[in-house]
Amino acid sequence: MKTLKDTKCGENVTVVKVHGKGAIRRRFMDMGLTKGTEIYIRKVAPLGDPVEIKVRGYELSLRKEEAAIVEIN
């Protein structure tokens, strides 16, 4: 299973599934991270935290723990 945490800068990926439970999963879905959504990886910090992505026309930064629950293709 590949997650957003495993991506490199400049990649285009597609969301397969958002893992997790409760509020965090709901928050991600409210921000547009749903199945089939295209994501462009804009920046990855040197230590991998945070990851800046472009999704549905806006930029979003995620911590490593948050990026680890978004399964990608």
PDB file of N, CA and C in Angstrom:
ATOM      1  N   MET A   1       0.844  -1.180   0.000  1.00  0.00           N
ATOM      2  CA  MET A   1       0.000   0.000   0.000  1.00  0.00           C
ATOM      3  C   MET A   1       0.891   1.245   0.000  1.00  0.00           C
ATOM      4  N   LYS A   2       0.727   2.094  -0.988  1.00  0.00           N
ATOM      5  CA  LYS A   2       1.493   3.336  -1.087  1.00  0.00           C
ATOM      6  C   LYS A   2       0.632   4.478  -0.546  1.00  0.00           C
ATOM      7  N   THR A   3       1.241   5.348   0.248  1.00  0.00           N
ATOM      8  CA  THR A   3       0.509   6.471   0.835  1.00  0.00           C
ATOM      9  C   THR A   3       1.147   7.797   0.418  1.00  0.00           C
ATOM     10  N   LEU A   4       0.494   8.887   0.739  1.00  0.00           N
ATOM     11  CA  LEU A   4       1.045  10.214   0.432  1.00  0.00           C
ATOM     12  C   LEU A   4       2.388  10.432   1.106  1.00  0.00           C
ATOM     13  N   LYS A   5       2.612   9.770   2.217  1.00  0.00           N
ATOM     14  CA  LYS A   5       3.878   9.893   2.942  1.00  0.00           C
ATOM     15  C   LYS A   5       5.051   9.387   2.107  1.00  0.00           C
ATOM     16  N   ASP A   6       4.788   8.462   1.182  1.00  0.00           N
ATOM     17  CA  ASP A   6       5.830   7.830   0.374  1.00  0.00           C
ATOM     18  C   ASP A   6       6.108   8.536  -0.949  1.00  0.00           C
ATOM     19  N   THR A   7       5.481   9.666  -1.202  1.00  0.00           N
ATOM     20  CA  THR A   7       5.604  10.324  -2.502  1.00  0.00           C
ATOM     21  C   THR A   7       6.830  11.225  -2.592  1.00  0.00           C
ATOM     22  N   LYS A   8       7.149  11.586  -3.802  1.00  0.00           N
ATOM     23  CA  LYS A   8       8.256  12.499  -4.077  1.00  0.00           C
ATOM     24  C   LYS A   8       7.690  13.779  -4.700  1.00  0.00           C
ATOM     25  N   CYS A   9       8.428  14.839  -4.591  1.00  0.00           N
ATOM     26  CA  CYS A   9       8.025  16.129  -5.142  1.00  0.00           C
ATOM     27  C   CYS A   9       7.836  16.018  -6.660  1.00  0.00           C
ATOM     28  N   GLY A  10       6.738  16.603  -7.161  1.00  0.00           N
ATOM     29  CA  GLY A  10       6.471  16.616  -8.588  1.00  0.00           C
ATOM     30  C   GLY A  10       5.606  15.475  -9.093  1.00  0.00           C
ATOM     31  N   GLU A  11       5.235  14.552  -8.238  1.00  0.00           N
ATOM     32  CA  GLU A  11       4.412  13.411  -8.662  1.00  0.00           C
ATOM     33  C   GLU A  11       2.941  13.792  -8.768  1.00  0.00           C
ATOM     34  N   ASN A  12       2.246  13.136  -9.679  1.00  0.00           N
ATOM     35  CA  ASN A  12       0.788  13.207  -9.770  1.00  0.00           C
ATOM     36  C   ASN A  12       0.259  11.853  -9.335  1.00  0.00           C
ATOM     37  N   VAL A  13      -0.652  11.851  -8.373  1.00  0.00           N
ATOM     38  CA  VAL A  13      -1.205  10.600  -7.849  1.00  0.00           C
ATOM     39  C   VAL A  13      -2.719  10.705  -7.747  1.00  0.00           C
ATOM     40  N   THR A  14      -3.364   9.567  -7.515  1.00  0.00           N
ATOM     41  CA  THR A  14      -4.804   9.505  -7.369  1.00  0.00           C
ATOM     42  C   THR A  14      -5.143   8.864  -6.032  1.00  0.00           C
ATOM     43  N   VAL A  15      -6.109   9.422  -5.328  1.00  0.00           N
ATOM     44  CA  VAL A  15      -6.532   8.875  -4.041  1.00  0.00           C
ATOM     45  C   VAL A  15      -7.297   7.575  -4.284  1.00  0.00           C
ATOM     46  N   VAL A  16      -6.890   6.521  -3.586  1.00  0.00           N
ATOM     47  CA  VAL A  16      -7.578   5.237  -3.642  1.00  0.00           C
ATOM     48  C   VAL A  16      -8.539   5.125  -2.460  1.00  0.00           C
ATOM     49  N   LYS A  17      -8.057   5.487  -1.262  1.00  0.00           N
ATOM     50  CA  LYS A  17      -8.875   5.368  -0.063  1.00  0.00           C
ATOM     51  C   LYS A  17      -8.277   6.225   1.042  1.00  0.00           C
ATOM     52  N   VAL A  18      -9.148   6.766   1.900  1.00  0.00           N
ATOM     53  CA  VAL A  18      -8.705   7.479   3.095  1.00  0.00           C
ATOM     54  C   VAL A  18      -8.992   6.569   4.284  1.00  0.00           C
ATOM     55  N   HIS A  19      -7.914   6.114   4.927  1.00  0.00           N
ATOM     56  CA  HIS A  19      -8.047   5.246   6.086  1.00  0.00           C
ATOM     57  C   HIS A  19      -8.272   6.107   7.321  1.00  0.00           C
ATOM     58  N   GLY A  20      -8.437   5.488   8.454  1.00  0.00           N
ATOM     59  CA  GLY A  20      -8.657   6.238   9.681  1.00  0.00           C
ATOM     60  C   GLY A  20     -10.126   6.241  10.046  1.00  0.00           C
ATOM     61  N   LYS A  21     -10.409   6.792  11.209  1.00  0.00           N
ATOM     62  CA  LYS A  21     -11.777   6.779  11.709  1.00  0.00           C
ATOM     63  C   LYS A  21     -12.173   8.142  12.231  1.00  0.00           C
ATOM     64  N   GLY A  22     -13.455   8.358  12.268  1.00  0.00           N
ATOM     65  CA  GLY A  22     -14.003   9.526  12.933  1.00  0.00           C
ATOM     66  C   GLY A  22     -13.688  10.855  12.295  1.00  0.00           C
ATOM     67  N   ALA A  23     -13.316  11.798  13.154  1.00  0.00           N
ATOM     68  CA  ALA A  23     -13.168  13.191  12.758  1.00  0.00           C
ATOM     69  C   ALA A  23     -12.084  13.421  11.713  1.00  0.00           C
ATOM     70  N   ILE A  24     -10.953  12.736  11.824  1.00  0.00           N
ATOM     71  CA  ILE A  24      -9.855  12.973  10.874  1.00  0.00           C
ATOM     72  C   ILE A  24     -10.260  12.549   9.458  1.00  0.00           C
ATOM     73  N   ARG A  25     -10.909  11.403   9.343  1.00  0.00           N
ATOM     74  CA  ARG A  25     -11.354  10.936   8.025  1.00  0.00           C
ATOM     75  C   ARG A  25     -12.393  11.894   7.447  1.00  0.00           C
ATOM     76  N   ARG A  26     -13.315  12.316   8.262  1.00  0.00           N
ATOM     77  CA  ARG A  26     -14.357  13.245   7.821  1.00  0.00           C
ATOM     78  C   ARG A  26     -13.752  14.574   7.393  1.00  0.00           C
ATOM     79  N   ARG A  27     -12.760  15.057   8.144  1.00  0.00           N
ATOM     80  CA  ARG A  27     -12.100  16.322   7.809  1.00  0.00           C
ATOM     81  C   ARG A  27     -11.404  16.233   6.457  1.00  0.00           C
ATOM     82  N   PHE A  28     -10.707  15.113   6.208  1.00  0.00           N
ATOM     83  CA  PHE A  28     -10.034  14.930   4.925  1.00  0.00           C
ATOM     84  C   PHE A  28     -11.036  14.912   3.782  1.00  0.00           C
ATOM     85  N   MET A  29     -12.141  14.237   3.978  1.00  0.00           N
ATOM     86  CA  MET A  29     -13.157  14.174   2.934  1.00  0.00           C
ATOM     87  C   MET A  29     -13.769  15.556   2.694  1.00  0.00           C
ATOM     88  N   ASP A  30     -13.956  16.331   3.745  1.00  0.00           N
ATOM     89  CA  ASP A  30     -14.462  17.695   3.599  1.00  0.00           C
ATOM     90  C   ASP A  30     -13.485  18.589   2.841  1.00  0.00           C
ATOM     91  N   MET A  31     -12.185  18.299   2.953  1.00  0.00           N
ATOM     92  CA  MET A  31     -11.162  19.080   2.248  1.00  0.00           C
ATOM     93  C   MET A  31     -10.987  18.621   0.806  1.00  0.00           C
ATOM     94  N   GLY A  32     -11.719  17.591   0.383  1.00  0.00           N
ATOM     95  CA  GLY A  32     -11.668  17.159  -1.005  1.00  0.00           C
ATOM     96  C   GLY A  32     -10.840  15.926  -1.275  1.00  0.00           C
ATOM     97  N   LEU A  33     -10.305  15.289  -0.246  1.00  0.00           N
ATOM     98  CA  LEU A  33      -9.522  14.076  -0.438  1.00  0.00           C
ATOM     99  C   LEU A  33     -10.468  12.878  -0.452  1.00  0.00           C
ATOM    100  N   THR A  34     -11.070  12.650  -1.611  1.00  0.00           N
ATOM    101  CA  THR A  34     -12.010  11.547  -1.777  1.00  0.00           C
ATOM    102  C   THR A  34     -11.489  10.605  -2.853  1.00  0.00           C
ATOM    103  N   LYS A  35     -12.061   9.421  -2.917  1.00  0.00           N
ATOM    104  CA  LYS A  35     -11.633   8.399  -3.884  1.00  0.00           C
ATOM    105  C   LYS A  35     -11.687   8.949  -5.307  1.00  0.00           C
ATOM    106  N   GLY A  36     -10.578   8.759  -6.040  1.00  0.00           N
ATOM    107  CA  GLY A  36     -10.503   9.194  -7.426  1.00  0.00           C
ATOM    108  C   GLY A  36      -9.986  10.604  -7.639  1.00  0.00           C
ATOM    109  N   THR A  37      -9.732  11.330  -6.568  1.00  0.00           N
ATOM    110  CA  THR A  37      -9.250  12.709  -6.678  1.00  0.00           C
ATOM    111  C   THR A  37      -7.784  12.733  -7.103  1.00  0.00           C
ATOM    112  N   GLU A  38      -7.467  13.567  -8.084  1.00  0.00           N
ATOM    113  CA  GLU A  38      -6.094  13.751  -8.543  1.00  0.00           C
ATOM    114  C   GLU A  38      -5.366  14.702  -7.595  1.00  0.00           C
ATOM    115  N   ILE A  39      -4.135  14.352  -7.242  1.00  0.00           N
ATOM    116  CA  ILE A  39      -3.317  15.175  -6.342  1.00  0.00           C
ATOM    117  C   ILE A  39      -1.953  15.388  -6.986  1.00  0.00           C
ATOM    118  N   TYR A  40      -1.444  16.619  -6.909  1.00  0.00           N
ATOM    119  CA  TYR A  40      -0.094  16.942  -7.363  1.00  0.00           C
ATOM    120  C   TYR A  40       0.743  17.239  -6.118  1.00  0.00           C
ATOM    121  N   ILE A  41       1.890  16.584  -5.993  1.00  0.00           N
ATOM    122  CA  ILE A  41       2.774  16.791  -4.846  1.00  0.00           C
ATOM    123  C   ILE A  41       3.665  17.992  -5.152  1.00  0.00           C
ATOM    124  N   ARG A  42       3.398  19.112  -4.485  1.00  0.00           N
ATOM    125  CA  ARG A  42       4.146  20.348  -4.743  1.00  0.00           C
ATOM    126  C   ARG A  42       5.494  20.367  -4.049  1.00  0.00           C
ATOM    127  N   LYS A  43       5.514  20.090  -2.757  1.00  0.00           N
ATOM    128  CA  LYS A  43       6.757  20.153  -1.982  1.00  0.00           C
ATOM    129  C   LYS A  43       6.753  19.067  -0.913  1.00  0.00           C
ATOM    130  N   VAL A  44       7.942  18.584  -0.618  1.00  0.00           N
ATOM    131  CA  VAL A  44       8.129  17.686   0.519  1.00  0.00           C
ATOM    132  C   VAL A  44       9.302  18.246   1.305  1.00  0.00           C
ATOM    133  N   ALA A  45       9.094  18.515   2.583  1.00  0.00           N
ATOM    134  CA  ALA A  45      10.154  19.062   3.426  1.00  0.00           C
ATOM    135  C   ALA A  45      11.309  18.059   3.523  1.00  0.00           C
ATOM    136  N   PRO A  46      12.525  18.524   3.809  1.00  0.00           N
ATOM    137  CA  PRO A  46      13.690  17.640   3.855  1.00  0.00           C
ATOM    138  C   PRO A  46      13.521  16.409   4.753  1.00  0.00           C
ATOM    139  N   LEU A  47      12.842  16.552   5.864  1.00  0.00           N
ATOM    140  CA  LEU A  47      12.630  15.408   6.748  1.00  0.00           C
ATOM    141  C   LEU A  47      11.276  14.750   6.507  1.00  0.00           C
ATOM    142  N   GLY A  48      10.591  15.162   5.440  1.00  0.00           N
ATOM    143  CA  GLY A  48       9.328  14.546   5.070  1.00  0.00           C
ATOM    144  C   GLY A  48       8.105  15.111   5.778  1.00  0.00           C
ATOM    145  N   ASP A  49       8.276  16.138   6.578  1.00  0.00           N
ATOM    146  CA  ASP A  49       7.158  16.684   7.328  1.00  0.00           C
ATOM    147  C   ASP A  49       7.207  18.200   7.276  1.00  0.00           C
ATOM    148  N   PRO A  50       6.305  18.912   6.676  1.00  0.00           N
ATOM    149  CA  PRO A  50       5.054  18.475   6.063  1.00  0.00           C
ATOM    150  C   PRO A  50       5.199  18.192   4.565  1.00  0.00           C
ATOM    151  N   VAL A  51       4.107  17.696   3.999  1.00  0.00           N
ATOM    152  CA  VAL A  51       3.991  17.454   2.565  1.00  0.00           C
ATOM    153  C   VAL A  51       2.976  18.464   2.044  1.00  0.00           C
ATOM    154  N   GLU A  52       3.348  19.240   1.031  1.00  0.00           N
ATOM    155  CA  GLU A  52       2.414  20.212   0.453  1.00  0.00           C
ATOM    156  C   GLU A  52       1.861  19.639  -0.843  1.00  0.00           C
ATOM    157  N   ILE A  53       0.533  19.588  -0.935  1.00  0.00           N
ATOM    158  CA  ILE A  53      -0.124  19.027  -2.108  1.00  0.00           C
ATOM    159  C   ILE A  53      -1.067  20.051  -2.729  1.00  0.00           C
ATOM    160  N   LYS A  54      -1.374  19.846  -4.000  1.00  0.00           N
ATOM    161  CA  LYS A  54      -2.379  20.654  -4.680  1.00  0.00           C
ATOM    162  C   LYS A  54      -3.535  19.723  -5.015  1.00  0.00           C
ATOM    163  N   VAL A  55      -4.700  20.039  -4.471  1.00  0.00           N
ATOM    164  CA  VAL A  55      -5.874  19.202  -4.657  1.00  0.00           C
ATOM    165  C   VAL A  55      -7.069  20.094  -4.945  1.00  0.00           C
ATOM    166  N   ARG A  56      -7.774  19.804  -6.026  1.00  0.00           N
ATOM    167  CA  ARG A  56      -8.974  20.550  -6.415  1.00  0.00           C
ATOM    168  C   ARG A  56      -8.756  22.066  -6.473  1.00  0.00           C
ATOM    169  N   GLY A  57      -7.573  22.471  -6.941  1.00  0.00           N
ATOM    170  CA  GLY A  57      -7.305  23.885  -7.167  1.00  0.00           C
ATOM    171  C   GLY A  57      -6.768  24.669  -5.979  1.00  0.00           C
ATOM    172  N   TYR A  58      -6.480  24.020  -4.861  1.00  0.00           N
ATOM    173  CA  TYR A  58      -5.894  24.740  -3.733  1.00  0.00           C
ATOM    174  C   TYR A  58      -4.761  23.927  -3.117  1.00  0.00           C
ATOM    175  N   GLU A  59      -3.901  24.610  -2.350  1.00  0.00           N
ATOM    176  CA  GLU A  59      -2.767  23.959  -1.717  1.00  0.00           C
ATOM    177  C   GLU A  59      -3.136  23.537  -0.301  1.00  0.00           C
ATOM    178  N   LEU A  60      -2.587  22.409   0.110  1.00  0.00           N
ATOM    179  CA  LEU A  60      -2.870  21.844   1.418  1.00  0.00           C
ATOM    180  C   LEU A  60      -1.583  21.239   1.955  1.00  0.00           C
ATOM    181  N   SER A  61      -1.274  21.494   3.220  1.00  0.00           N
ATOM    182  CA  SER A  61      -0.096  20.893   3.856  1.00  0.00           C
ATOM    183  C   SER A  61      -0.549  19.861   4.869  1.00  0.00           C
ATOM    184  N   LEU A  62       0.103  18.705   4.832  1.00  0.00           N
ATOM    185  CA  LEU A  62      -0.244  17.604   5.730  1.00  0.00           C
ATOM    186  C   LEU A  62       0.986  17.131   6.495  1.00  0.00           C
ATOM    187  N   ARG A  63       0.800  16.783   7.759  1.00  0.00           N
ATOM    188  CA  ARG A  63       1.868  16.168   8.539  1.00  0.00           C
ATOM    189  C   ARG A  63       2.083  14.743   8.048  1.00  0.00           C
ATOM    190  N   LYS A  64       3.232  14.150   8.434  1.00  0.00           N
ATOM    191  CA  LYS A  64       3.533  12.775   8.039  1.00  0.00           C
ATOM    192  C   LYS A  64       2.459  11.803   8.512  1.00  0.00           C
ATOM    193  N   GLU A  65       2.002  11.974   9.747  1.00  0.00           N
ATOM    194  CA  GLU A  65       0.992  11.068  10.288  1.00  0.00           C
ATOM    195  C   GLU A  65      -0.311  11.170   9.498  1.00  0.00           C
ATOM    196  N   GLU A  66      -0.653  12.376   9.073  1.00  0.00           N
ATOM    197  CA  GLU A  66      -1.865  12.579   8.286  1.00  0.00           C
ATOM    198  C   GLU A  66      -1.702  12.014   6.878  1.00  0.00           C
ATOM    199  N   ALA A  67      -0.547  12.245   6.275  1.00  0.00           N
ATOM    200  CA  ALA A  67      -0.293  11.760   4.918  1.00  0.00           C
ATOM    201  C   ALA A  67      -0.267  10.230   4.872  1.00  0.00           C
ATOM    202  N   ALA A  68       0.064   9.599   5.985  1.00  0.00           N
ATOM    203  CA  ALA A  68       0.160   8.139   6.032  1.00  0.00           C
ATOM    204  C   ALA A  68      -1.210   7.455   5.946  1.00  0.00           C
ATOM    205  N   ILE A  69      -2.299   8.161   6.173  1.00  0.00           N
ATOM    206  CA  ILE A  69      -3.608   7.507   6.122  1.00  0.00           C
ATOM    207  C   ILE A  69      -4.295   7.665   4.765  1.00  0.00           C
ATOM    208  N   VAL A  70      -3.654   8.364   3.827  1.00  0.00           N
ATOM    209  CA  VAL A  70      -4.224   8.550   2.496  1.00  0.00           C
ATOM    210  C   VAL A  70      -3.539   7.588   1.533  1.00  0.00           C
ATOM    211  N   GLU A  71      -4.254   6.542   1.147  1.00  0.00           N
ATOM    212  CA  GLU A  71      -3.731   5.546   0.212  1.00  0.00           C
ATOM    213  C   GLU A  71      -3.855   6.090  -1.208  1.00  0.00           C
ATOM    214  N   ILE A  72      -2.774   5.940  -1.980  1.00  0.00           N
ATOM    215  CA  ILE A  72      -2.747   6.478  -3.338  1.00  0.00           C
ATOM    216  C   ILE A  72      -2.397   5.406  -4.349  1.00  0.00           C
ATOM    217  N   ASN A  73      -2.562   5.780  -5.603  1.00  0.00           N
ATOM    218  CA  ASN A  73      -2.245   4.887  -6.710  1.00  0.00           C
ATOM    219  C   ASN A  73      -1.199   5.553  -7.573  1.00  0.00           C
TER     220      ASN A  73
END
